[in-house]
N, C-alpha and C. Protein backbone atom coordinates (compact mmCIF):
# COMPACT_ATOMS: atom_id res chain seq x y z
N MET A 1 0.85 -1.30 -0.21
CA MET A 1 -0.13 0.12 0.03
C MET A 1 1.05 1.10 -0.12
N ALA A 2 0.69 2.39 -0.86
CA ALA A 2 1.25 3.79 -1.01
C ALA A 2 1.09 4.31 0.68
N ASP A 3 0.38 3.94 1.36
CA ASP A 3 0.73 4.95 2.66
C ASP A 3 2.01 4.26 3.10
N ALA A 4 2.33 3.16 3.32
CA ALA A 4 3.44 2.53 4.08
C ALA A 4 4.50 2.98 3.81
N GLU A 5 5.02 3.73 2.34
CA GLU A 5 6.10 4.43 1.93
C GLU A 5 6.50 5.35 2.78
N THR A 6 8.19 5.18 2.99
CA THR A 6 8.46 5.83 4.55
C THR A 6 9.54 6.32 3.55
N TRP A 7 9.99 7.77 3.88
CA TRP A 7 11.21 8.19 2.85
C TRP A 7 11.68 9.13 3.80
N ASP A 8 12.67 9.21 3.33
CA ASP A 8 14.24 9.73 4.13
C ASP A 8 14.09 11.41 3.99
N LEU A 9 14.32 12.16 4.83
CA LEU A 9 13.96 13.65 4.79
C LEU A 9 15.19 14.18 4.30
N LEU A 10 15.11 15.11 3.13
CA LEU A 10 16.76 16.11 2.98
C LEU A 10 16.34 17.55 4.08
N ASP A 11 17.62 18.50 3.69
CA ASP A 11 16.94 20.03 3.92
C ASP A 11 17.05 20.50 2.93
N GLU A 12 17.24 21.75 2.49
CA GLU A 12 17.52 22.35 1.24
C GLU A 12 18.20 22.23 0.19
N GLN A 13 19.47 22.12 0.93
CA GLN A 13 20.74 21.71 0.16
C GLN A 13 20.64 20.25 -0.38
N GLY A 14 19.81 19.19 -0.05
CA GLY A 14 19.26 18.14 -0.23
C GLY A 14 20.50 17.40 0.10
N ARG A 15 20.53 17.58 1.76
CA ARG A 15 21.46 16.72 2.22
C ARG A 15 20.35 15.98 3.63
N PRO A 16 20.97 14.83 3.68
CA PRO A 16 19.89 13.87 4.62
C PRO A 16 19.44 14.71 5.79
N THR A 17 18.70 14.65 6.61
CA THR A 17 18.62 15.18 7.74
C THR A 17 18.68 14.51 8.85
N GLY A 18 18.52 12.73 8.84
CA GLY A 18 18.35 11.72 9.69
C GLY A 18 16.71 11.54 10.50
N GLU A 19 15.92 12.59 9.25
CA GLU A 19 14.33 12.62 9.64
C GLU A 19 13.66 11.53 8.78
N VAL A 20 12.50 10.91 9.16
CA VAL A 20 12.26 10.33 8.11
C VAL A 20 10.02 10.75 7.82
N HIS A 21 9.68 10.78 6.70
CA HIS A 21 8.32 10.98 6.25
C HIS A 21 7.20 9.66 5.93
N ARG A 22 6.42 9.48 6.88
CA ARG A 22 5.38 8.28 5.98
C ARG A 22 4.50 9.09 5.24
N ARG A 23 4.37 8.66 3.73
CA ARG A 23 3.62 9.16 3.21
C ARG A 23 2.19 8.91 3.57
N GLY A 24 1.74 10.24 2.75
CA GLY A 24 0.29 10.75 3.55
C GLY A 24 -0.01 11.18 5.04
N GLU A 25 1.12 11.23 5.86
CA GLU A 25 0.96 11.75 7.01
C GLU A 25 0.70 13.40 6.73
N PRO A 26 0.00 13.91 7.37
CA PRO A 26 -0.64 15.25 7.15
C PRO A 26 0.93 16.17 7.99
N ALA A 27 0.74 16.79 7.40
CA ALA A 27 1.62 18.81 8.06
C ALA A 27 3.34 17.86 7.69
N TRP A 28 3.55 18.71 6.22
CA TRP A 28 4.81 18.07 5.52
C TRP A 28 5.92 18.78 6.37
N PRO A 29 6.93 18.43 7.13
CA PRO A 29 7.63 19.21 7.65
C PRO A 29 8.25 20.47 6.92
N PRO A 30 8.32 21.66 7.60
CA PRO A 30 8.68 22.82 6.91
C PRO A 30 10.21 22.79 6.64
N GLY A 31 10.62 23.05 5.07
CA GLY A 31 11.95 23.12 4.93
C GLY A 31 12.92 22.24 5.00
N ARG A 32 11.87 20.62 4.47
CA ARG A 32 12.22 19.40 4.16
C ARG A 32 11.81 19.09 2.69
N PHE A 33 12.71 18.02 2.54
CA PHE A 33 12.12 17.50 1.13
C PHE A 33 12.58 15.75 1.00
N HIS A 34 11.80 15.31 0.21
CA HIS A 34 12.12 14.35 -0.35
C HIS A 34 12.73 13.76 -1.58
N LEU A 35 13.43 12.43 -1.97
CA LEU A 35 13.82 12.48 -2.96
C LEU A 35 13.03 11.56 -4.23
N MET A 36 13.06 11.86 -5.28
CA MET A 36 12.22 11.30 -6.24
C MET A 36 13.56 10.81 -7.29
N VAL A 37 13.20 9.83 -8.35
CA VAL A 37 13.96 9.85 -9.62
C VAL A 37 13.55 9.35 -10.55
N ALA A 38 13.74 9.78 -11.97
CA ALA A 38 13.08 9.57 -13.14
C ALA A 38 14.36 8.90 -13.71
N THR A 39 13.71 7.69 -14.51
CA THR A 39 14.84 7.00 -15.45
C THR A 39 14.45 7.11 -16.79
N CYS A 40 15.11 7.72 -17.66
CA CYS A 40 14.91 7.80 -19.11
C CYS A 40 15.92 6.33 -19.93
N VAL A 41 14.90 5.24 -20.19
CA VAL A 41 15.58 4.28 -20.79
C VAL A 41 15.76 4.48 -22.24
N VAL A 42 17.01 4.29 -22.83
CA VAL A 42 17.12 4.04 -23.82
C VAL A 42 17.63 3.16 -25.02
N ARG A 43 16.73 2.60 -25.64
CA ARG A 43 16.69 1.43 -26.41
C ARG A 43 18.10 1.63 -27.17
N SER A 44 18.66 0.15 -27.70
CA SER A 44 19.93 0.32 -29.02
C SER A 44 19.34 0.90 -29.92
N ASP A 45 18.31 1.20 -30.62
CA ASP A 45 17.61 1.90 -31.81
C ASP A 45 17.59 3.45 -31.41
N GLY A 46 17.68 3.55 -30.02
CA GLY A 46 17.44 5.07 -29.95
C GLY A 46 16.19 5.62 -29.83
N LEU A 47 15.30 4.85 -29.46
CA LEU A 47 14.01 4.61 -29.04
C LEU A 47 13.99 4.69 -27.29
N VAL A 48 13.13 5.53 -26.99
CA VAL A 48 12.97 6.27 -25.65
C VAL A 48 11.88 5.64 -25.16
N LEU A 49 11.70 4.91 -23.96
CA LEU A 49 10.23 4.53 -23.55
C LEU A 49 9.85 5.91 -22.20
N LEU A 50 8.40 5.57 -22.81
CA LEU A 50 7.36 6.66 -22.07
C LEU A 50 6.62 5.44 -21.52
N THR A 51 6.25 5.48 -20.18
CA THR A 51 4.96 5.24 -19.90
C THR A 51 3.82 5.58 -19.66
N ARG A 52 2.58 5.34 -19.33
CA ARG A 52 1.25 5.94 -19.12
C ARG A 52 0.60 5.74 -17.92
N ARG A 53 0.64 6.82 -16.57
CA ARG A 53 0.23 6.49 -15.23
C ARG A 53 -1.50 5.91 -15.84
N ALA A 54 -1.26 4.69 -14.73
CA ALA A 54 -2.73 4.04 -14.16
C ALA A 54 -3.61 5.10 -13.89
N ALA A 55 -4.93 5.22 -14.33
CA ALA A 55 -5.72 5.77 -14.11
C ALA A 55 -6.08 6.36 -12.49
N THR A 56 -5.92 5.20 -11.76
CA THR A 56 -6.34 5.64 -10.22
C THR A 56 -5.08 5.91 -9.72
N LYS A 57 -4.36 6.74 -10.33
CA LYS A 57 -2.89 7.35 -9.82
C LYS A 57 -3.22 9.05 -9.92
N THR A 58 -2.59 9.77 -9.16
CA THR A 58 -2.38 11.33 -9.52
C THR A 58 -2.20 11.66 -10.96
N PHE A 59 -2.34 12.32 -11.71
CA PHE A 59 -2.52 12.70 -12.91
C PHE A 59 -2.53 11.83 -13.74
N PRO A 60 -3.63 11.06 -13.87
CA PRO A 60 -4.23 9.79 -14.52
C PRO A 60 -3.97 9.98 -15.80
N LEU A 61 -3.51 8.95 -16.50
CA LEU A 61 -3.44 8.77 -17.64
C LEU A 61 -2.40 9.73 -18.55
N ALA A 62 -1.03 10.00 -17.74
CA ALA A 62 -0.31 11.35 -18.31
C ALA A 62 0.72 10.16 -18.74
N TRP A 63 1.64 11.01 -19.92
CA TRP A 63 3.01 9.94 -20.15
C TRP A 63 4.18 10.49 -19.19
N GLU A 64 4.88 9.53 -18.94
CA GLU A 64 6.23 10.03 -18.11
C GLU A 64 7.00 9.34 -18.20
N ILE A 65 8.34 9.74 -17.98
CA ILE A 65 9.58 8.33 -17.66
C ILE A 65 9.35 8.01 -16.62
N PRO A 66 9.49 6.90 -16.58
CA PRO A 66 9.28 6.19 -15.37
C PRO A 66 9.94 6.67 -14.15
N GLY A 67 9.38 6.32 -13.05
CA GLY A 67 10.07 6.96 -11.75
C GLY A 67 8.97 6.59 -10.96
N GLY A 68 9.48 7.16 -9.26
CA GLY A 68 8.89 7.59 -8.21
C GLY A 68 10.05 7.89 -7.24
N SER A 69 9.30 7.56 -6.06
CA SER A 69 10.03 8.25 -4.85
C SER A 69 10.90 7.02 -4.13
N VAL A 70 11.90 8.03 -3.91
CA VAL A 70 13.47 6.92 -3.25
C VAL A 70 12.72 6.54 -1.88
N LEU A 71 12.47 5.10 -1.18
CA LEU A 71 12.24 4.77 -0.16
C LEU A 71 13.13 4.64 0.68
N ALA A 72 13.02 5.32 2.48
CA ALA A 72 14.08 5.12 3.52
C ALA A 72 14.87 4.12 3.00
N GLY A 73 16.32 4.89 3.35
CA GLY A 73 17.60 3.82 3.20
C GLY A 73 18.18 3.33 2.12
N GLU A 74 17.39 3.83 0.79
CA GLU A 74 17.59 3.68 -0.65
C GLU A 74 18.33 4.11 -1.02
N THR A 75 19.54 4.31 -2.08
CA THR A 75 20.33 5.34 -2.66
C THR A 75 19.33 5.52 -3.60
N GLY A 76 19.36 6.82 -4.62
CA GLY A 76 19.01 7.30 -5.49
C GLY A 76 18.93 6.12 -6.99
N VAL A 77 20.01 5.56 -6.95
CA VAL A 77 19.99 4.39 -8.16
C VAL A 77 19.31 3.03 -7.83
N GLN A 78 19.95 2.95 -6.73
CA GLN A 78 18.75 1.49 -6.52
C GLN A 78 17.45 2.02 -6.69
N ALA A 79 16.77 3.35 -5.85
CA ALA A 79 15.23 3.34 -6.41
C ALA A 79 15.08 3.51 -7.52
N ALA A 80 16.12 3.94 -8.97
CA ALA A 80 15.93 4.12 -10.20
C ALA A 80 15.66 2.45 -10.45
N VAL A 81 16.20 2.30 -10.27
CA VAL A 81 16.62 0.11 -10.98
C VAL A 81 14.78 -0.13 -10.44
N ARG A 82 14.72 -0.21 -9.30
CA ARG A 82 13.29 -0.58 -8.31
C ARG A 82 12.17 -0.48 -9.22
N GLU A 83 12.20 0.95 -8.95
CA GLU A 83 11.24 1.68 -10.06
C GLU A 83 10.81 0.75 -11.77
N VAL A 84 11.81 0.96 -12.22
CA VAL A 84 11.48 0.77 -13.30
C VAL A 84 11.47 -0.81 -13.26
N ARG A 85 11.54 -1.63 -12.77
CA ARG A 85 11.77 -2.91 -12.49
C ARG A 85 10.32 -2.92 -12.36
N GLU A 86 9.55 -2.33 -11.37
CA GLU A 86 8.18 -2.49 -10.92
C GLU A 86 6.84 -1.87 -11.99
N GLU A 87 7.42 -0.82 -12.21
CA GLU A 87 6.72 -0.50 -13.36
C GLU A 87 6.65 -1.17 -14.50
N THR A 88 7.58 -1.38 -15.25
CA THR A 88 7.79 -2.06 -16.48
C THR A 88 8.46 -3.64 -16.66
N GLY A 89 8.71 -4.30 -15.64
CA GLY A 89 9.55 -5.57 -15.47
C GLY A 89 10.90 -5.52 -16.01
N LEU A 90 11.56 -4.32 -16.63
CA LEU A 90 13.02 -4.33 -17.07
C LEU A 90 13.79 -4.20 -15.12
N VAL A 91 14.74 -4.96 -16.20
CA VAL A 91 16.04 -5.11 -14.81
C VAL A 91 17.19 -4.14 -15.69
N LEU A 92 17.05 -3.38 -14.81
CA LEU A 92 18.66 -2.63 -15.29
C LEU A 92 20.05 -2.58 -14.43
N ASP A 93 21.15 -2.64 -14.66
CA ASP A 93 22.29 -2.24 -13.97
C ASP A 93 22.64 -0.90 -13.51
N GLY A 94 22.62 -0.75 -12.08
CA GLY A 94 22.41 -0.05 -11.39
C GLY A 94 23.80 0.56 -12.28
N GLU A 95 24.81 0.23 -12.01
CA GLU A 95 26.16 0.60 -12.35
C GLU A 95 26.14 1.15 -14.07
N ALA A 96 25.09 0.91 -14.55
CA ALA A 96 24.83 1.26 -15.69
C ALA A 96 24.38 2.40 -16.52
N LEU A 97 23.43 2.98 -14.88
CA LEU A 97 22.73 4.10 -15.13
C LEU A 97 23.83 5.35 -15.06
N THR A 98 23.58 6.50 -15.75
CA THR A 98 24.21 7.82 -15.56
C THR A 98 23.48 8.98 -15.13
N ARG A 99 23.70 9.57 -13.75
CA ARG A 99 22.71 10.40 -13.11
C ARG A 99 22.92 11.94 -14.52
N VAL A 100 21.87 12.34 -14.55
CA VAL A 100 21.88 13.42 -15.28
C VAL A 100 22.14 14.90 -14.44
N GLY A 101 20.92 14.92 -13.38
CA GLY A 101 21.28 15.77 -12.77
C GLY A 101 20.32 16.04 -11.20
N ARG A 102 19.80 16.75 -11.30
CA ARG A 102 18.95 17.09 -10.22
C ARG A 102 17.81 18.33 -10.21
N GLY A 103 16.52 18.31 -10.34
CA GLY A 103 15.45 19.44 -10.40
C GLY A 103 14.72 19.15 -8.69
N PRO A 104 14.16 20.93 -9.00
CA PRO A 104 13.04 20.39 -7.74
C PRO A 104 11.79 20.50 -8.24
N LEU A 105 11.63 20.13 -6.85
CA LEU A 105 10.28 19.93 -6.75
C LEU A 105 9.51 20.65 -5.65
N PRO A 106 8.36 21.02 -5.29
CA PRO A 106 7.86 21.64 -4.32
C PRO A 106 8.30 21.36 -2.73
N THR A 107 8.33 19.83 -2.56
CA THR A 107 8.53 19.03 -1.79
C THR A 107 9.58 18.33 -1.55
N ALA A 108 9.71 18.25 -2.68
CA ALA A 108 11.25 16.98 -3.22
C ALA A 108 12.37 17.40 -4.09
N PHE A 109 13.34 16.91 -4.83
CA PHE A 109 14.11 16.85 -5.58
C PHE A 109 14.01 15.30 -6.18
N LEU A 110 14.10 15.97 -7.83
CA LEU A 110 14.05 14.57 -8.51
C LEU A 110 15.52 14.58 -9.54
N ASP A 111 16.06 13.41 -9.14
CA ASP A 111 16.98 12.72 -9.65
C ASP A 111 16.57 12.18 -11.09
N VAL A 112 17.36 12.87 -12.00
CA VAL A 112 16.78 12.04 -13.29
C VAL A 112 18.12 11.04 -13.89
N TYR A 113 17.98 10.27 -14.23
CA TYR A 113 18.93 8.96 -14.61
C TYR A 113 18.69 8.68 -16.11
N VAL A 114 19.32 8.19 -17.14
CA VAL A 114 19.37 7.34 -18.24
C VAL A 114 20.08 6.32 -18.25
N ALA A 115 19.40 5.53 -18.84
CA ALA A 115 19.93 3.76 -18.99
C ALA A 115 19.90 3.38 -20.07
N ALA A 116 20.94 3.18 -20.71
CA ALA A 116 20.61 2.35 -21.72
C ALA A 116 20.89 0.73 -22.36
N VAL A 117 19.82 0.15 -22.95
CA VAL A 117 19.24 -0.95 -23.01
C VAL A 117 19.67 -2.10 -24.10
N LEU A 118 20.11 -2.87 -24.15
CA LEU A 118 19.98 -3.76 -25.74
C LEU A 118 19.01 -4.14 -26.14
N GLY A 119 18.26 -4.16 -27.47
CA GLY A 119 17.90 -5.17 -28.00
C GLY A 119 16.54 -4.31 -27.98
N ARG A 120 15.68 -5.13 -28.09
CA ARG A 120 13.97 -4.68 -27.89
C ARG A 120 13.31 -5.14 -26.53
N PRO A 121 14.43 -5.34 -25.37
CA PRO A 121 13.41 -5.62 -24.40
C PRO A 121 11.81 -5.85 -23.83
N ARG A 122 11.36 -6.92 -23.50
CA ARG A 122 9.78 -7.14 -23.17
C ARG A 122 9.64 -6.94 -22.07
N LEU A 123 8.49 -6.07 -22.03
CA LEU A 123 7.80 -5.41 -20.82
C LEU A 123 6.92 -6.00 -20.70
N VAL A 124 6.76 -5.78 -19.25
CA VAL A 124 5.76 -6.51 -18.15
C VAL A 124 5.08 -5.64 -17.29
N LEU A 125 4.10 -5.17 -17.55
CA LEU A 125 3.74 -3.91 -16.87
C LEU A 125 2.73 -4.02 -16.03
N ASP A 126 2.60 -3.21 -14.48
CA ASP A 126 2.02 -3.39 -13.48
C ASP A 126 0.67 -2.31 -13.73
N PRO A 127 -0.24 -3.11 -13.67
CA PRO A 127 -1.52 -2.15 -14.06
C PRO A 127 -1.97 -1.28 -12.93
N ALA A 128 -1.31 -1.31 -12.00
CA ALA A 128 -1.82 -1.00 -10.28
C ALA A 128 -0.84 0.53 -10.75
N GLU A 129 -0.15 0.47 -11.41
CA GLU A 129 0.79 2.22 -11.48
C GLU A 129 1.27 2.37 -13.21
N VAL A 130 1.33 1.40 -13.74
CA VAL A 130 1.05 1.94 -15.47
C VAL A 130 0.14 1.58 -16.50
N ASP A 131 -0.39 2.05 -17.24
CA ASP A 131 -1.36 2.05 -17.94
C ASP A 131 -1.00 1.93 -19.13
N GLY A 132 -0.26 2.05 -19.51
CA GLY A 132 0.19 1.59 -20.87
C GLY A 132 2.17 2.03 -21.03
N ALA A 133 2.63 1.78 -22.27
CA ALA A 133 4.09 2.06 -22.33
C ALA A 133 4.25 1.98 -23.57
N ALA A 134 5.00 2.78 -24.04
CA ALA A 134 5.49 2.95 -25.97
C ALA A 134 7.17 3.61 -25.95
N TRP A 135 7.30 3.17 -26.91
CA TRP A 135 8.82 3.09 -27.04
C TRP A 135 8.71 4.29 -28.15
N VAL A 136 9.81 5.34 -27.79
CA VAL A 136 9.30 6.73 -29.15
C VAL A 136 10.40 7.35 -29.17
N SER A 137 10.11 8.04 -30.45
CA SER A 137 11.37 9.12 -30.42
C SER A 137 11.68 9.97 -29.45
N TRP A 138 12.93 10.37 -29.89
CA TRP A 138 12.91 11.93 -28.76
C TRP A 138 12.12 13.08 -29.25
N ALA A 139 11.70 13.12 -30.41
CA ALA A 139 11.02 14.01 -31.15
C ALA A 139 9.37 13.66 -30.53
N GLU A 140 9.04 12.21 -29.81
CA GLU A 140 7.91 12.27 -29.45
C GLU A 140 8.00 12.61 -28.23
N VAL A 141 8.92 12.40 -27.54
CA VAL A 141 9.09 13.04 -25.93
C VAL A 141 8.65 14.14 -25.87
N GLU A 142 9.46 14.95 -26.62
CA GLU A 142 9.30 16.49 -27.07
C GLU A 142 7.93 16.76 -27.23
N ALA A 143 7.24 16.60 -27.98
CA ALA A 143 6.34 16.97 -28.14
C ALA A 143 5.22 16.78 -26.99
N GLN A 144 5.27 15.63 -26.17
CA GLN A 144 4.44 15.21 -25.30
C GLN A 144 4.97 15.92 -24.41
N ARG A 145 5.85 16.77 -23.92
CA ARG A 145 6.42 17.47 -23.27
C ARG A 145 5.48 18.87 -23.12
N ALA A 146 5.58 19.16 -24.54
CA ALA A 146 5.16 20.37 -25.50
C ALA A 146 3.24 20.92 -25.09
N ALA A 147 2.84 19.39 -25.28
CA ALA A 147 1.40 19.45 -25.48
C ALA A 147 0.95 19.07 -23.96
N GLY A 148 1.62 19.08 -23.18
CA GLY A 148 1.08 19.02 -21.51
C GLY A 148 0.67 17.88 -21.46
N GLY A 149 1.19 16.56 -22.58
CA GLY A 149 1.15 15.52 -21.87
C GLY A 149 1.38 14.57 -21.02
N MET A 150 2.13 15.26 -19.92
CA MET A 150 3.45 14.71 -19.00
C MET A 150 2.43 15.68 -17.53
N PRO A 151 3.29 15.13 -16.58
CA PRO A 151 2.91 15.56 -15.22
C PRO A 151 3.38 16.62 -15.03
N ALA A 152 2.61 17.99 -14.80
CA ALA A 152 3.57 19.24 -14.87
C ALA A 152 3.98 19.31 -14.02
N PRO A 153 4.49 19.05 -12.65
CA PRO A 153 5.57 19.31 -11.68
C PRO A 153 6.60 18.54 -12.15
N TRP A 154 6.32 17.41 -12.96
CA TRP A 154 7.77 16.80 -13.36
C TRP A 154 8.25 17.77 -14.35
N VAL A 155 7.59 18.18 -15.32
CA VAL A 155 7.91 19.29 -16.69
C VAL A 155 8.53 20.29 -15.99
N GLY A 156 8.06 20.68 -14.96
CA GLY A 156 8.62 22.05 -14.37
C GLY A 156 10.12 21.20 -13.88
N SER A 157 10.11 20.15 -13.18
CA SER A 157 11.47 20.02 -12.44
C SER A 157 12.70 19.18 -13.64
N PHE A 158 12.46 18.77 -14.78
CA PHE A 158 12.91 18.16 -15.71
C PHE A 158 13.47 19.79 -16.53
N ALA A 159 12.59 20.73 -16.56
CA ALA A 159 13.15 22.18 -17.43
C ALA A 159 14.92 22.32 -17.55
N PRO A 160 15.01 22.62 -15.93
CA PRO A 160 16.54 22.91 -15.89
C PRO A 160 17.62 21.87 -16.77
N LEU A 161 17.16 20.51 -16.37
CA LEU A 161 17.70 19.18 -17.11
C LEU A 161 17.74 18.88 -18.31
N TRP A 162 17.07 19.67 -18.88
CA TRP A 162 16.58 19.35 -20.24
C TRP A 162 17.84 19.12 -21.14
N PRO A 163 18.42 20.29 -21.29
CA PRO A 163 19.35 20.20 -22.19
C PRO A 163 20.68 19.16 -22.27
N ASP A 164 20.88 19.00 -21.03
CA ASP A 164 21.50 17.59 -20.51
C ASP A 164 20.74 16.43 -20.46
N LEU A 165 19.71 16.16 -20.40
CA LEU A 165 18.90 14.81 -20.89
C LEU A 165 19.14 14.89 -22.19
N VAL A 166 19.18 15.70 -23.00
CA VAL A 166 18.86 15.24 -24.55
C VAL A 166 20.62 14.87 -24.87
N GLN A 167 21.28 15.53 -24.15
CA GLN A 167 22.93 14.81 -24.77
C GLN A 167 23.08 13.61 -23.42
N ALA A 168 22.54 13.09 -22.79
CA ALA A 168 22.64 12.34 -22.32
C ALA A 168 22.10 10.98 -23.05
N VAL A 169 20.98 11.24 -23.56
CA VAL A 169 20.29 10.06 -24.30
C VAL A 169 20.53 10.15 -25.65
N GLY A 170 21.23 11.01 -25.94
CA GLY A 170 22.19 10.57 -27.25
C GLY A 170 23.19 9.70 -27.02
N ARG A 171 23.99 10.23 -26.09
CA ARG A 171 25.21 9.57 -25.98
C ARG A 171 24.77 8.13 -25.42
N ALA A 172 23.52 7.66 -25.08
CA ALA A 172 23.22 6.40 -24.62
C ALA A 172 22.57 5.69 -26.12
N ALA A 173 22.12 6.25 -26.74
CA ALA A 173 21.89 5.74 -28.25
C ALA A 173 23.11 5.51 -28.82
N ALA A 174 24.06 6.39 -29.00
CA ALA A 174 25.35 6.41 -29.81
C ALA A 174 26.34 4.90 -29.15
N ARG A 175 26.10 4.21 -27.90
CA ARG A 175 26.82 3.38 -27.68
C ARG A 175 26.80 2.17 -27.92
N HIS A 176 25.89 2.13 -28.51
CA HIS A 176 25.21 0.37 -29.25
C HIS A 176 26.01 0.61 -30.81
């Protein structure tokens, strides 16, 4: 159950405070943040994985780069690997992830990663999390972003990282 999630809290500079917060508890602690991750998975043919949020989630049926919250005790890389596996069935090698950077959200920081995968991996979607998935060109990712088809808070958080993300996706595609 999502309410059971517990997050390590960070200060305004992104440093751990030693405090935790349980998802869904009222009264978010002022001046505290939690860490979220998003992983842009790039196939060897250059296509990028987008997932569509389940209808029961916030921002229902919006397209996004797979991701979610970092649980208490996890690193960002561990959470990125876990979230992609939970949502899509893909098993990533944490050592192969490239961290692009960190974007701000109102009560969180969003660490963005890029992961290259070989071939055309089979997806096994978790229907509680994901309603659909598509391998798309980077131009289609840009079009979804521009058309408002992605969750607005994530778009804002990605904005300062977008140029670096574009370059990292290009490098990941070129590795194959």
